[in-house]
Amino acid sequence: MAKITYRHPNGTETVVDVPVPNTVMRGAKINNIDGIEAQCGGSAQCGTCHVYIDEANTLPLPEMHESEDDVLYGTAAPRRANSRLSCQLPVSEEIDGLVVHLPETQS
C-alpha cells in the first residue's frame, strides 16, 4: 500500500491509499479522482494520464521507457522535465508519499 497525493490545478489535494499492485493512474481511477482520463486504459498510448511529479520528489521512480517519452510529446498539457504518464508508475511501498500534480487538461 502507498499513500499517493493528487494535487489538482486549483490547489486542492486528494490523498488516497493505493494498494500494490496498481499504477498511479489506476489509483486515481479506483478512487474517482478527477483529472486523470486514462482513455487507453493504461497502455501508454494516449497521454490522458499525464501528471507532473512534485519537484521535491526524492522517491525512486522507474526509468522512462521510449514509448512513454514519445507519448509525452503529444499531450494536451505542456510537457515539462517532471512529466510522466501515471499509467507507467507502478505503486509500491517505496513510493509511499508520492505527490503528483494534475495538469489543467488531459485532452
C-alpha atoms as a PDB file:
ATOM      1  CA  MET A   1       0.000   0.000   0.000  1.00  0.00           C
ATOM      2  CA  ALA A   2       1.229   3.500  -0.801  1.00  0.00           C
ATOM      3  CA  LYS A   3      -0.236   6.866   0.076  1.00  0.00           C
ATOM      4  CA  ILE A   4      -0.423   8.976  -3.105  1.00  0.00           C
ATOM      5  CA  THR A   5      -1.330  12.669  -3.174  1.00  0.00           C
ATOM      6  CA  TYR A   6      -3.036  14.007  -6.280  1.00  0.00           C
ATOM      7  CA  ARG A   7      -2.755  17.803  -6.351  1.00  0.00           C
ATOM      8  CA  HIS A   8      -5.418  19.435  -8.512  1.00  0.00           C
ATOM      9  CA  PRO A   9      -4.761  22.572 -10.597  1.00  0.00           C
ATOM     10  CA  ASN A  10      -6.821  24.671  -8.157  1.00  0.00           C
ATOM     11  CA  GLY A  11      -4.510  23.662  -5.301  1.00  0.00           C
ATOM     12  CA  THR A  12      -6.760  21.132  -3.577  1.00  0.00           C
ATOM     13  CA  GLU A  13      -5.289  17.748  -2.756  1.00  0.00           C
ATOM     14  CA  THR A  14      -6.762  14.287  -2.687  1.00  0.00           C
ATOM     15  CA  VAL A  15      -4.746  11.767  -0.671  1.00  0.00           C
ATOM     16  CA  VAL A  16      -5.543   8.086  -1.096  1.00  0.00           C
ATOM     17  CA  ASP A  17      -4.073   4.729  -0.173  1.00  0.00           C
ATOM     18  CA  VAL A  18      -3.388   2.757  -3.342  1.00  0.00           C
ATOM     19  CA  PRO A  19      -2.864  -0.980  -2.994  1.00  0.00           C
ATOM     20  CA  VAL A  20       0.000  -2.836  -4.639  1.00  0.00           C
ATOM     21  CA  PRO A  21      -0.022  -3.890  -7.489  1.00  0.00           C
ATOM     22  CA  ASN A  22      -1.599  -0.924  -9.217  1.00  0.00           C
ATOM     23  CA  THR A  23      -0.344   2.135 -11.001  1.00  0.00           C
ATOM     24  CA  VAL A  24      -0.671   5.764 -10.007  1.00  0.00           C
ATOM     25  CA  MET A  25      -3.234   6.052 -12.840  1.00  0.00           C
ATOM     26  CA  ARG A  26      -5.267   3.104 -11.582  1.00  0.00           C
ATOM     27  CA  GLY A  27      -5.170   4.560  -8.067  1.00  0.00           C
ATOM     28  CA  ALA A  28      -6.807   7.717  -9.406  1.00  0.00           C
ATOM     29  CA  LYS A  29      -9.448   5.771 -11.320  1.00  0.00           C
ATOM     30  CA  ILE A  30     -10.441   3.422  -8.469  1.00  0.00           C
ATOM     31  CA  ASN A  31     -10.717   6.416  -6.141  1.00  0.00           C
ATOM     32  CA  ASN A  32     -12.737   8.554  -8.592  1.00  0.00           C
ATOM     33  CA  ILE A  33     -10.168  11.320  -8.791  1.00  0.00           C
ATOM     34  CA  ASP A  34     -10.989  13.912 -11.442  1.00  0.00           C
ATOM     35  CA  GLY A  35      -8.195  14.905 -13.780  1.00  0.00           C
ATOM     36  CA  ILE A  36      -6.982  11.503 -14.968  1.00  0.00           C
ATOM     37  CA  GLU A  37      -8.886  10.374 -18.060  1.00  0.00           C
ATOM     38  CA  ALA A  38      -6.852   7.276 -18.992  1.00  0.00           C
ATOM     39  CA  GLN A  39      -8.625   6.809 -22.318  1.00  0.00           C
ATOM     40  CA  CYS A  40      -6.339   3.966 -23.440  1.00  0.00           C
ATOM     41  CA  GLY A  41      -6.689   2.118 -20.143  1.00  0.00           C
ATOM     42  CA  GLY A  42      -3.048   2.259 -19.192  1.00  0.00           C
ATOM     43  CA  SER A  43      -1.185   1.140 -22.300  1.00  0.00           C
ATOM     44  CA  ALA A  44       0.914   4.332 -22.673  1.00  0.00           C
ATOM     45  CA  GLN A  45      -0.711   5.274 -25.958  1.00  0.00           C
ATOM     46  CA  CYS A  46      -2.971   8.272 -25.361  1.00  0.00           C
ATOM     47  CA  GLY A  47      -1.293  10.602 -22.853  1.00  0.00           C
ATOM     48  CA  THR A  48      -4.514  11.305 -20.949  1.00  0.00           C
ATOM     49  CA  CYS A  49      -2.984  10.211 -17.646  1.00  0.00           C
ATOM     50  CA  HIS A  50      -0.218  12.821 -17.815  1.00  0.00           C
ATOM     51  CA  VAL A  51       0.971  14.095 -14.424  1.00  0.00           C
ATOM     52  CA  TYR A  52       3.768  16.268 -13.119  1.00  0.00           C
ATOM     53  CA  ILE A  53       5.886  14.657 -10.417  1.00  0.00           C
ATOM     54  CA  ASP A  54       6.323  17.015  -7.478  1.00  0.00           C
ATOM     55  CA  GLU A  55       9.624  18.824  -7.883  1.00  0.00           C
ATOM     56  CA  ALA A  56      10.632  17.971  -4.298  1.00  0.00           C
ATOM     57  CA  ASN A  57      10.294  14.239  -5.001  1.00  0.00           C
ATOM     58  CA  THR A  58      13.137  12.018  -3.841  1.00  0.00           C
ATOM     59  CA  LEU A  59      11.265   8.707  -4.096  1.00  0.00           C
ATOM     60  CA  PRO A  60      12.573   6.108  -6.555  1.00  0.00           C
ATOM     61  CA  LEU A  61      10.585   6.068  -9.780  1.00  0.00           C
ATOM     62  CA  PRO A  62      11.196   3.753 -12.722  1.00  0.00           C
ATOM     63  CA  GLU A  63      13.151   4.992 -15.712  1.00  0.00           C
ATOM     64  CA  MET A  64      11.044   6.379 -18.531  1.00  0.00           C
ATOM     65  CA  HIS A  65      10.669   3.998 -21.475  1.00  0.00           C
ATOM     66  CA  GLU A  66      10.966   5.253 -25.036  1.00  0.00           C
ATOM     67  CA  SER A  67       7.235   4.772 -25.704  1.00  0.00           C
ATOM     68  CA  GLU A  68       6.301   6.904 -22.683  1.00  0.00           C
ATOM     69  CA  ASP A  69       8.789   9.552 -23.770  1.00  0.00           C
ATOM     70  CA  ASP A  70       7.243   9.653 -27.261  1.00  0.00           C
ATOM     71  CA  VAL A  71       3.661   9.944 -25.964  1.00  0.00           C
ATOM     72  CA  LEU A  72       4.572  12.812 -23.636  1.00  0.00           C
ATOM     73  CA  TYR A  73       5.422  14.965 -26.669  1.00  0.00           C
ATOM     74  CA  GLY A  74       1.768  14.846 -27.746  1.00  0.00           C
ATOM     75  CA  THR A  75      -0.088  15.565 -24.517  1.00  0.00           C
ATOM     76  CA  ALA A  76      -2.709  18.312 -24.230  1.00  0.00           C
ATOM     77  CA  ALA A  77      -0.886  19.978 -21.318  1.00  0.00           C
ATOM     78  CA  PRO A  78       2.680  21.164 -21.853  1.00  0.00           C
ATOM     79  CA  ARG A  79       5.413  18.624 -21.307  1.00  0.00           C
ATOM     80  CA  ARG A  80       7.840  19.528 -18.522  1.00  0.00           C
ATOM     81  CA  ALA A  81      11.018  17.969 -17.180  1.00  0.00           C
ATOM     82  CA  ASN A  82       8.921  16.317 -14.443  1.00  0.00           C
ATOM     83  CA  SER A  83       6.189  14.984 -16.775  1.00  0.00           C
ATOM     84  CA  ARG A  84       5.253  11.319 -16.562  1.00  0.00           C
ATOM     85  CA  LEU A  85       2.402   9.081 -17.637  1.00  0.00           C
ATOM     86  CA  SER A  86       0.776   7.888 -14.437  1.00  0.00           C
ATOM     87  CA  CYS A  87      -0.015   4.537 -16.085  1.00  0.00           C
ATOM     88  CA  GLN A  88       3.731   3.888 -16.211  1.00  0.00           C
ATOM     89  CA  LEU A  89       4.285   4.457 -12.488  1.00  0.00           C
ATOM     90  CA  PRO A  90       3.769   1.211 -10.579  1.00  0.00           C
ATOM     91  CA  VAL A  91       2.660   1.527  -6.988  1.00  0.00           C
ATOM     92  CA  SER A  92       4.983   0.023  -4.421  1.00  0.00           C
ATOM     93  CA  GLU A  93       5.775   0.669  -0.792  1.00  0.00           C
ATOM     94  CA  GLU A  94       8.889   2.523  -1.980  1.00  0.00           C
ATOM     95  CA  ILE A  95       6.774   5.339  -3.459  1.00  0.00           C
ATOM     96  CA  ASP A  96       4.655   5.836  -0.340  1.00  0.00           C
ATOM     97  CA  GLY A  97       4.161   9.605  -0.040  1.00  0.00           C
ATOM     98  CA  LEU A  98       4.418  10.386  -3.771  1.00  0.00           C
ATOM     99  CA  VAL A  99       2.849  13.701  -4.802  1.00  0.00           C
ATOM    100  CA  VAL A 100       1.690  14.207  -8.377  1.00  0.00           C
ATOM    101  CA  HIS A 101       0.266  17.395  -9.855  1.00  0.00           C
ATOM    102  CA  LEU A 102      -2.607  17.079 -12.300  1.00  0.00           C
ATOM    103  CA  PRO A 103      -2.434  19.294 -15.394  1.00  0.00           C
ATOM    104  CA  GLU A 104      -5.169  21.744 -16.367  1.00  0.00           C
ATOM    105  CA  THR A 105      -6.346  19.432 -19.149  1.00  0.00           C
ATOM    106  CA  GLN A 106      -5.789  15.907 -20.446  1.00  0.00           C
ATOM    107  CA  SER A 107      -7.475  16.149 -23.841  1.00  0.00           C
END
